[in-house]
């Protein structure tokens, strides 16, 4: 078992060395392919594994597998870039820090935050509710016995409150609702419009990979049919063979 393990490690090391040599033969190094903060070893490992799986023979086949490895790297990069874009949203970070791991958990958290006034919209709603309660209380006091001056002062207070509500609080609430929020960030993560760009880019990369794999299959089939010592019917034999 130990000998087999040592043999596997030796073969793996040889394959990795060969993959590095193959990259250099193409006039590029791994640092030309990966970004400065990305792992060169991970790309080399990816190329090595694809080479072992697709078994290319000859320069053309090796070039195809090399291109597939680059496209796979770009697809992984796309997923990472989406994550980076998400983390730039402070509300996404807030949802992460909430520790909720389910739809219902996140929904309960958002409702609790809104009710507690921890959000801008929640704070405005709470203030708006307090003003309306105050206006209602003053309106009820009008039913008590009051002289005309007291009724007039009470009506002026109610009018002032309703003016603040209509001119300031309601527009401010609409503005807050129209702006970014944790609830919108949560909903956006599942919206088709948001995912469409990512899906289109993934589909484009997959399409390129499929074309390369199809080219690889065709090339292997061509070699299988005609082989190294066979010529296609359309190609004349050389004078030496005649």
C-alpha atoms as a PDB file:
ATOM      1  CA  UNK A   1       0.000   0.000   0.000  1.00  0.00           C
ATOM      2  CA  UNK A   2       2.843   2.324   0.860  1.00  0.00           C
ATOM      3  CA  UNK A   3       4.570   1.631  -2.461  1.00  0.00           C
ATOM      4  CA  UNK A   4       1.328   2.337  -4.314  1.00  0.00           C
ATOM      5  CA  UNK A   5       0.876   5.612  -2.429  1.00  0.00           C
ATOM      6  CA  UNK A   6       4.414   6.679  -3.258  1.00  0.00           C
ATOM      7  CA  UNK A   7       3.852   5.719  -6.895  1.00  0.00           C
ATOM      8  CA  UNK A   8       0.632   7.790  -7.047  1.00  0.00           C
ATOM      9  CA  UNK A   9       2.397  10.808  -5.578  1.00  0.00           C
ATOM     10  CA  UNK A  10       5.245  10.383  -8.029  1.00  0.00           C
ATOM     11  CA  UNK A  11       2.864  10.180 -10.984  1.00  0.00           C
ATOM     12  CA  UNK A  12       0.924  13.184  -9.741  1.00  0.00           C
ATOM     13  CA  UNK A  13       4.150  15.171  -9.436  1.00  0.00           C
ATOM     14  CA  UNK A  14       5.183  14.164 -12.955  1.00  0.00           C
ATOM     15  CA  UNK A  15       1.782  15.179 -14.338  1.00  0.00           C
ATOM     16  CA  UNK A  16       1.978  18.556 -12.600  1.00  0.00           C
ATOM     17  CA  UNK A  17       5.473  19.143 -13.949  1.00  0.00           C
ATOM     18  CA  UNK A  18       4.287  18.214 -17.443  1.00  0.00           C
ATOM     19  CA  UNK A  19       1.320  20.583 -17.184  1.00  0.00           C
ATOM     20  CA  UNK A  20       3.653  23.451 -16.194  1.00  0.00           C
ATOM     21  CA  UNK A  21       5.923  22.639 -19.126  1.00  0.00           C
ATOM     22  CA  UNK A  22       2.939  22.529 -21.487  1.00  0.00           C
ATOM     23  CA  UNK A  23       1.833  25.997 -20.344  1.00  0.00           C
ATOM     24  CA  UNK A  24       5.320  27.394 -20.911  1.00  0.00           C
ATOM     25  CA  UNK A  25       5.516  25.823 -24.376  1.00  0.00           C
ATOM     26  CA  UNK A  26       2.534  27.976 -25.383  1.00  0.00           C
ATOM     27  CA  UNK A  27       4.543  31.129 -24.793  1.00  0.00           C
ATOM     28  CA  UNK A  28       2.749  32.051 -21.576  1.00  0.00           C
ATOM     29  CA  UNK A  29       3.213  31.381 -17.899  1.00  0.00           C
ATOM     30  CA  UNK A  30       0.545  30.768 -15.300  1.00  0.00           C
ATOM     31  CA  UNK A  31       0.993  34.326 -14.011  1.00  0.00           C
ATOM     32  CA  UNK A  32      -0.173  35.520 -17.451  1.00  0.00           C
ATOM     33  CA  UNK A  33      -3.461  33.665 -16.907  1.00  0.00           C
ATOM     34  CA  UNK A  34      -4.324  34.134 -13.236  1.00  0.00           C
ATOM     35  CA  UNK A  35      -4.728  37.477 -11.490  1.00  0.00           C
ATOM     36  CA  UNK A  36      -1.989  38.482  -9.013  1.00  0.00           C
ATOM     37  CA  UNK A  37      -4.143  37.524  -6.012  1.00  0.00           C
ATOM     38  CA  UNK A  38      -5.321  34.215  -7.482  1.00  0.00           C
ATOM     39  CA  UNK A  39      -3.597  30.883  -6.884  1.00  0.00           C
ATOM     40  CA  UNK A  40      -1.250  29.671  -9.616  1.00  0.00           C
ATOM     41  CA  UNK A  41      -1.242  26.217  -8.047  1.00  0.00           C
ATOM     42  CA  UNK A  42      -5.031  25.975  -8.309  1.00  0.00           C
ATOM     43  CA  UNK A  43      -4.939  26.706 -12.043  1.00  0.00           C
ATOM     44  CA  UNK A  44      -2.124  24.217 -12.575  1.00  0.00           C
ATOM     45  CA  UNK A  45      -4.121  21.630 -10.630  1.00  0.00           C
ATOM     46  CA  UNK A  46      -7.212  22.384 -12.733  1.00  0.00           C
ATOM     47  CA  UNK A  47      -5.265  21.996 -15.975  1.00  0.00           C
ATOM     48  CA  UNK A  48      -3.654  18.797 -14.722  1.00  0.00           C
ATOM     49  CA  UNK A  49      -7.020  17.263 -13.789  1.00  0.00           C
ATOM     50  CA  UNK A  50      -8.609  18.227 -17.118  1.00  0.00           C
ATOM     51  CA  UNK A  51      -5.604  16.773 -18.950  1.00  0.00           C
ATOM     52  CA  UNK A  52      -5.984  13.507 -17.030  1.00  0.00           C
ATOM     53  CA  UNK A  53      -9.741  13.413 -17.720  1.00  0.00           C
ATOM     54  CA  UNK A  54      -9.713  14.390 -21.411  1.00  0.00           C
ATOM     55  CA  UNK A  55      -6.448  12.620 -22.347  1.00  0.00           C
ATOM     56  CA  UNK A  56      -5.237  14.971 -25.081  1.00  0.00           C
ATOM     57  CA  UNK A  57      -2.652  13.661 -27.565  1.00  0.00           C
ATOM     58  CA  UNK A  58      -0.727  16.068 -29.712  1.00  0.00           C
ATOM     59  CA  UNK A  59      -0.456  19.845 -29.845  1.00  0.00           C
ATOM     60  CA  UNK A  60      -3.980  20.570 -31.116  1.00  0.00           C
ATOM     61  CA  UNK A  61      -5.701  18.482 -28.459  1.00  0.00           C
ATOM     62  CA  UNK A  62      -3.498  19.901 -25.716  1.00  0.00           C
ATOM     63  CA  UNK A  63      -4.309  23.443 -26.889  1.00  0.00           C
ATOM     64  CA  UNK A  64      -8.031  22.692 -26.680  1.00  0.00           C
ATOM     65  CA  UNK A  65      -7.748  21.340 -23.129  1.00  0.00           C
ATOM     66  CA  UNK A  66      -5.622  24.362 -22.224  1.00  0.00           C
ATOM     67  CA  UNK A  67      -8.368  26.691 -23.511  1.00  0.00           C
ATOM     68  CA  UNK A  68     -11.010  24.718 -21.571  1.00  0.00           C
ATOM     69  CA  UNK A  69      -8.983  25.187 -18.382  1.00  0.00           C
ATOM     70  CA  UNK A  70      -8.852  28.961 -18.946  1.00  0.00           C
ATOM     71  CA  UNK A  71     -12.620  29.132 -19.532  1.00  0.00           C
ATOM     72  CA  UNK A  72     -13.297  27.069 -16.405  1.00  0.00           C
ATOM     73  CA  UNK A  73     -11.107  29.502 -14.447  1.00  0.00           C
ATOM     74  CA  UNK A  74     -13.158  32.405 -15.809  1.00  0.00           C
ATOM     75  CA  UNK A  75     -16.375  30.697 -14.739  1.00  0.00           C
ATOM     76  CA  UNK A  76     -15.069  30.245 -11.190  1.00  0.00           C
ATOM     77  CA  UNK A  77     -13.957  33.875 -11.278  1.00  0.00           C
ATOM     78  CA  UNK A  78     -17.466  34.963 -12.290  1.00  0.00           C
ATOM     79  CA  UNK A  79     -18.946  33.288  -9.206  1.00  0.00           C
ATOM     80  CA  UNK A  80     -16.370  34.972  -6.976  1.00  0.00           C
ATOM     81  CA  UNK A  81     -17.051  38.376  -8.541  1.00  0.00           C
ATOM     82  CA  UNK A  82     -20.764  37.956  -7.828  1.00  0.00           C
ATOM     83  CA  UNK A  83     -19.910  37.301  -4.187  1.00  0.00           C
ATOM     84  CA  UNK A  84     -17.697  40.399  -4.075  1.00  0.00           C
ATOM     85  CA  UNK A  85     -20.513  42.500  -5.588  1.00  0.00           C
ATOM     86  CA  UNK A  86     -22.906  41.181  -2.931  1.00  0.00           C
ATOM     87  CA  UNK A  87     -20.488  42.026  -0.124  1.00  0.00           C
ATOM     88  CA  UNK A  88     -20.298  45.650  -1.324  1.00  0.00           C
ATOM     89  CA  UNK A  89     -23.951  46.016  -0.306  1.00  0.00           C
ATOM     90  CA  UNK A  90     -24.048  46.963   3.418  1.00  0.00           C
ATOM     91  CA  UNK A  91     -27.516  45.432   3.736  1.00  0.00           C
ATOM     92  CA  UNK A  92     -26.198  42.089   2.442  1.00  0.00           C
ATOM     93  CA  UNK A  93     -23.565  42.211   5.183  1.00  0.00           C
ATOM     94  CA  UNK A  94     -26.296  43.052   7.702  1.00  0.00           C
ATOM     95  CA  UNK A  95     -28.263  39.966   6.661  1.00  0.00           C
ATOM     96  CA  UNK A  96     -25.126  37.827   6.971  1.00  0.00           C
ATOM     97  CA  UNK A  97     -24.424  39.169  10.444  1.00  0.00           C
ATOM     98  CA  UNK A  98     -27.999  38.474  11.534  1.00  0.00           C
ATOM     99  CA  UNK A  99     -27.060  34.787  11.552  1.00  0.00           C
ATOM    100  CA  UNK A 100     -30.383  33.739   9.987  1.00  0.00           C
ATOM    101  CA  UNK A 101     -30.109  30.694   7.716  1.00  0.00           C
ATOM    102  CA  UNK A 102     -33.659  30.279   6.407  1.00  0.00           C
ATOM    103  CA  UNK A 103     -36.302  32.246   4.496  1.00  0.00           C
ATOM    104  CA  UNK A 104     -38.610  32.433   7.502  1.00  0.00           C
ATOM    105  CA  UNK A 105     -35.735  33.401   9.792  1.00  0.00           C
ATOM    106  CA  UNK A 106     -34.687  36.303   7.562  1.00  0.00           C
ATOM    107  CA  UNK A 107     -38.301  37.453   7.154  1.00  0.00           C
ATOM    108  CA  UNK A 108     -38.842  37.471  10.940  1.00  0.00           C
ATOM    109  CA  UNK A 109     -35.595  39.366  11.402  1.00  0.00           C
ATOM    110  CA  UNK A 110     -36.597  42.020   8.843  1.00  0.00           C
ATOM    111  CA  UNK A 111     -40.051  42.482  10.418  1.00  0.00           C
ATOM    112  CA  UNK A 112     -38.525  42.762  13.889  1.00  0.00           C
ATOM    113  CA  UNK A 113     -36.005  45.367  12.706  1.00  0.00           C
ATOM    114  CA  UNK A 114     -38.719  47.387  11.009  1.00  0.00           C
ATOM    115  CA  UNK A 115     -41.040  47.229  14.028  1.00  0.00           C
ATOM    116  CA  UNK A 116     -38.265  48.219  16.430  1.00  0.00           C
ATOM    117  CA  UNK A 117     -37.434  51.271  14.332  1.00  0.00           C
ATOM    118  CA  UNK A 118     -33.943  49.986  13.578  1.00  0.00           C
ATOM    119  CA  UNK A 119     -34.460  50.758   9.885  1.00  0.00           C
ATOM    120  CA  UNK A 120     -35.039  54.211   8.381  1.00  0.00           C
ATOM    121  CA  UNK A 121     -38.477  53.205   7.164  1.00  0.00           C
ATOM    122  CA  UNK A 122     -39.296  51.668  10.536  1.00  0.00           C
ATOM    123  CA  UNK A 123     -38.251  54.822  12.405  1.00  0.00           C
ATOM    124  CA  UNK A 124     -40.383  56.998  10.127  1.00  0.00           C
ATOM    125  CA  UNK A 125     -43.366  54.684  10.506  1.00  0.00           C
ATOM    126  CA  UNK A 126     -43.038  54.781  14.287  1.00  0.00           C
ATOM    127  CA  UNK A 127     -42.839  58.598  14.277  1.00  0.00           C
ATOM    128  CA  UNK A 128     -45.789  58.785  11.908  1.00  0.00           C
ATOM    129  CA  UNK A 129     -47.811  56.463  14.140  1.00  0.00           C
ATOM    130  CA  UNK A 130     -47.030  58.615  17.196  1.00  0.00           C
ATOM    131  CA  UNK A 131     -48.176  61.793  15.436  1.00  0.00           C
ATOM    132  CA  UNK A 132     -51.406  60.178  14.282  1.00  0.00           C
ATOM    133  CA  UNK A 133     -52.048  58.874  17.807  1.00  0.00           C
ATOM    134  CA  UNK A 134     -51.511  62.379  19.170  1.00  0.00           C
ATOM    135  CA  UNK A 135     -53.910  63.865  16.612  1.00  0.00           C
ATOM    136  CA  UNK A 136     -56.498  61.219  17.469  1.00  0.00           C
ATOM    137  CA  UNK A 137     -56.149  61.964  21.187  1.00  0.00           C
ATOM    138  CA  UNK A 138     -56.605  65.687  20.604  1.00  0.00           C
ATOM    139  CA  UNK A 139     -59.634  65.047  18.413  1.00  0.00           C
ATOM    140  CA  UNK A 140     -61.209  62.991  21.205  1.00  0.00           C
ATOM    141  CA  UNK A 141     -60.609  65.818  23.682  1.00  0.00           C
ATOM    142  CA  UNK A 142     -62.741  68.062  21.482  1.00  0.00           C
ATOM    143  CA  UNK A 143     -65.770  66.036  22.503  1.00  0.00           C
ATOM    144  CA  UNK A 144     -65.302  67.167  26.092  1.00  0.00           C
ATOM    145  CA  UNK A 145     -66.686  70.419  27.359  1.00  0.00           C
ATOM    146  CA  UNK A 146     -64.410  73.158  26.068  1.00  0.00           C
ATOM    147  CA  UNK A 147     -64.811  76.827  25.492  1.00  0.00           C
ATOM    148  CA  UNK A 148     -64.421  78.177  22.004  1.00  0.00           C
ATOM    149  CA  UNK A 149     -60.818  79.250  22.544  1.00  0.00           C
ATOM    150  CA  UNK A 150     -59.797  75.776  23.734  1.00  0.00           C
ATOM    151  CA  UNK A 151     -61.539  74.161  20.767  1.00  0.00           C
ATOM    152  CA  UNK A 152     -59.786  76.556  18.400  1.00  0.00           C
ATOM    153  CA  UNK A 153     -56.373  75.850  19.920  1.00  0.00           C
ATOM    154  CA  UNK A 154     -56.993  72.100  19.760  1.00  0.00           C
ATOM    155  CA  UNK A 155     -58.067  72.310  16.118  1.00  0.00           C
ATOM    156  CA  UNK A 156     -54.924  74.304  15.326  1.00  0.00           C
ATOM    157  CA  UNK A 157     -52.781  71.631  16.970  1.00  0.00           C
ATOM    158  CA  UNK A 158     -54.494  68.872  14.996  1.00  0.00           C
ATOM    159  CA  UNK A 159     -54.136  70.889  11.793  1.00  0.00           C
ATOM    160  CA  UNK A 160     -50.419  71.425  12.489  1.00  0.00           C
ATOM    161  CA  UNK A 161     -49.870  67.731  13.136  1.00  0.00           C
ATOM    162  CA  UNK A 162     -51.686  66.676   9.949  1.00  0.00           C
ATOM    163  CA  UNK A 163     -49.727  69.251   7.959  1.00  0.00           C
ATOM    164  CA  UNK A 164     -46.419  67.798   9.212  1.00  0.00           C
ATOM    165  CA  UNK A 165     -47.659  64.308   8.370  1.00  0.00           C
ATOM    166  CA  UNK A 166     -48.828  65.168   4.854  1.00  0.00           C
ATOM    167  CA  UNK A 167     -46.000  67.532   3.872  1.00  0.00           C
ATOM    168  CA  UNK A 168     -43.029  65.860   5.499  1.00  0.00           C
ATOM    169  CA  UNK A 169     -43.579  62.437   7.004  1.00  0.00           C
ATOM    170  CA  UNK A 170     -45.469  60.722   4.153  1.00  0.00           C
ATOM    171  CA  UNK A 171     -43.064  61.915   1.388  1.00  0.00           C
ATOM    172  CA  UNK A 172     -40.125  60.927   3.605  1.00  0.00           C
ATOM    173  CA  UNK A 173     -41.636  57.462   4.076  1.00  0.00           C
ATOM    174  CA  UNK A 174     -42.098  57.071   0.296  1.00  0.00           C
ATOM    175  CA  UNK A 175     -38.461  58.105  -0.237  1.00  0.00           C
ATOM    176  CA  UNK A 176     -37.263  55.588   2.337  1.00  0.00           C
ATOM    177  CA  UNK A 177     -39.376  52.827   0.785  1.00  0.00           C
ATOM    178  CA  UNK A 178     -37.982  53.628  -2.672  1.00  0.00           C
ATOM    179  CA  UNK A 179     -34.371  53.511  -1.470  1.00  0.00           C
ATOM    180  CA  UNK A 180     -32.149  50.501  -0.717  1.00  0.00           C
ATOM    181  CA  UNK A 181     -32.941  48.329   2.264  1.00  0.00           C
ATOM    182  CA  UNK A 182     -32.152  44.936   3.759  1.00  0.00           C
ATOM    183  CA  UNK A 183     -35.548  43.649   2.617  1.00  0.00           C
ATOM    184  CA  UNK A 184     -34.888  44.715  -0.980  1.00  0.00           C
ATOM    185  CA  UNK A 185     -31.415  43.181  -0.898  1.00  0.00           C
ATOM    186  CA  UNK A 186     -32.923  39.915   0.319  1.00  0.00           C
ATOM    187  CA  UNK A 187     -35.591  39.943  -2.395  1.00  0.00           C
ATOM    188  CA  UNK A 188     -33.157  40.973  -5.116  1.00  0.00           C
ATOM    189  CA  UNK A 189     -30.969  37.928  -4.495  1.00  0.00           C
ATOM    190  CA  UNK A 190     -33.761  35.789  -5.989  1.00  0.00           C
ATOM    191  CA  UNK A 191     -35.099  38.125  -8.683  1.00  0.00           C
ATOM    192  CA  UNK A 192     -34.748  36.829 -12.271  1.00  0.00           C
ATOM    193  CA  UNK A 193     -33.708  40.298 -13.436  1.00  0.00           C
ATOM    194  CA  UNK A 194     -30.784  40.296 -11.014  1.00  0.00           C
ATOM    195  CA  UNK A 195     -29.693  36.759 -11.869  1.00  0.00           C
ATOM    196  CA  UNK A 196     -30.110  37.198 -15.632  1.00  0.00           C
ATOM    197  CA  UNK A 197     -26.715  38.824 -16.218  1.00  0.00           C
ATOM    198  CA  UNK A 198     -24.897  36.150 -14.229  1.00  0.00           C
ATOM    199  CA  UNK A 199     -26.810  33.380 -15.983  1.00  0.00           C
ATOM    200  CA  UNK A 200     -26.066  34.881 -19.423  1.00  0.00           C
ATOM    201  CA  UNK A 201     -22.346  35.080 -18.675  1.00  0.00           C
ATOM    202  CA  UNK A 202     -22.309  31.523 -17.347  1.00  0.00           C
ATOM    203  CA  UNK A 203     -24.217  30.318 -20.427  1.00  0.00           C
ATOM    204  CA  UNK A 204     -21.748  32.093 -22.740  1.00  0.00           C
ATOM    205  CA  UNK A 205     -18.782  30.444 -21.019  1.00  0.00           C
ATOM    206  CA  UNK A 206     -20.504  27.037 -21.054  1.00  0.00           C
ATOM    207  CA  UNK A 207     -21.229  27.468 -24.760  1.00  0.00           C
ATOM    208  CA  UNK A 208     -17.543  28.162 -25.493  1.00  0.00           C
ATOM    209  CA  UNK A 209     -16.524  25.149 -23.418  1.00  0.00           C
ATOM    210  CA  UNK A 210     -19.032  22.914 -25.235  1.00  0.00           C
ATOM    211  CA  UNK A 211     -17.655  24.064 -28.606  1.00  0.00           C
ATOM    212  CA  UNK A 212     -14.105  23.299 -27.521  1.00  0.00           C
ATOM    213  CA  UNK A 213     -15.093  19.852 -26.257  1.00  0.00           C
ATOM    214  CA  UNK A 214     -16.921  19.203 -29.516  1.00  0.00           C
ATOM    215  CA  UNK A 215     -13.802  20.212 -31.418  1.00  0.00           C
ATOM    216  CA  UNK A 216     -11.753  17.879 -29.249  1.00  0.00           C
ATOM    217  CA  UNK A 217     -14.120  14.964 -29.943  1.00  0.00           C
ATOM    218  CA  UNK A 218     -14.018  15.665 -33.689  1.00  0.00           C
ATOM    219  CA  UNK A 219     -10.251  15.812 -33.658  1.00  0.00           C
ATOM    220  CA  UNK A 220      -9.967  12.528 -31.763  1.00  0.00           C
ATOM    221  CA  UNK A 221     -12.444  10.921 -34.151  1.00  0.00           C
ATOM    222  CA  UNK A 222     -10.517  12.231 -37.155  1.00  0.00           C
ATOM    223  CA  UNK A 223      -7.346  10.675 -35.796  1.00  0.00           C
ATOM    224  CA  UNK A 224      -9.131   7.433 -35.026  1.00  0.00           C
ATOM    225  CA  UNK A 225     -10.559   7.134 -38.551  1.00  0.00           C
ATOM    226  CA  UNK A 226      -7.526   8.201 -40.538  1.00  0.00           C
ATOM    227  CA  UNK A 227      -4.734   7.513 -38.072  1.00  0.00           C
ATOM    228  CA  UNK A 228      -1.100   8.450 -38.498  1.00  0.00           C
ATOM    229  CA  UNK A 229      -0.518   6.082 -41.435  1.00  0.00           C
ATOM    230  CA  UNK A 230      -3.759   6.677 -43.294  1.00  0.00           C
ATOM    231  CA  UNK A 231      -4.740   9.428 -45.692  1.00  0.00           C
ATOM    232  CA  UNK A 232      -8.218  10.775 -46.289  1.00  0.00           C
ATOM    233  CA  UNK A 233      -9.700   9.729 -49.663  1.00  0.00           C
ATOM    234  CA  UNK A 234      -9.436  13.304 -50.881  1.00  0.00           C
ATOM    235  CA  UNK A 235      -5.680  13.435 -50.327  1.00  0.00           C
ATOM    236  CA  UNK A 236      -3.489  11.924 -53.095  1.00  0.00           C
ATOM    237  CA  UNK A 237      -0.669   9.561 -52.229  1.00  0.00           C
ATOM    238  CA  UNK A 238       2.836  10.976 -52.344  1.00  0.00           C
ATOM    239  CA  UNK A 239       5.064  10.130 -55.366  1.00  0.00           C
ATOM    240  CA  UNK A 240       7.255   7.979 -53.126  1.00  0.00           C
ATOM    241  CA  UNK A 241       4.291   5.746 -52.363  1.00  0.00           C
ATOM    242  CA  UNK A 242       3.375   5.435 -56.019  1.00  0.00           C
END
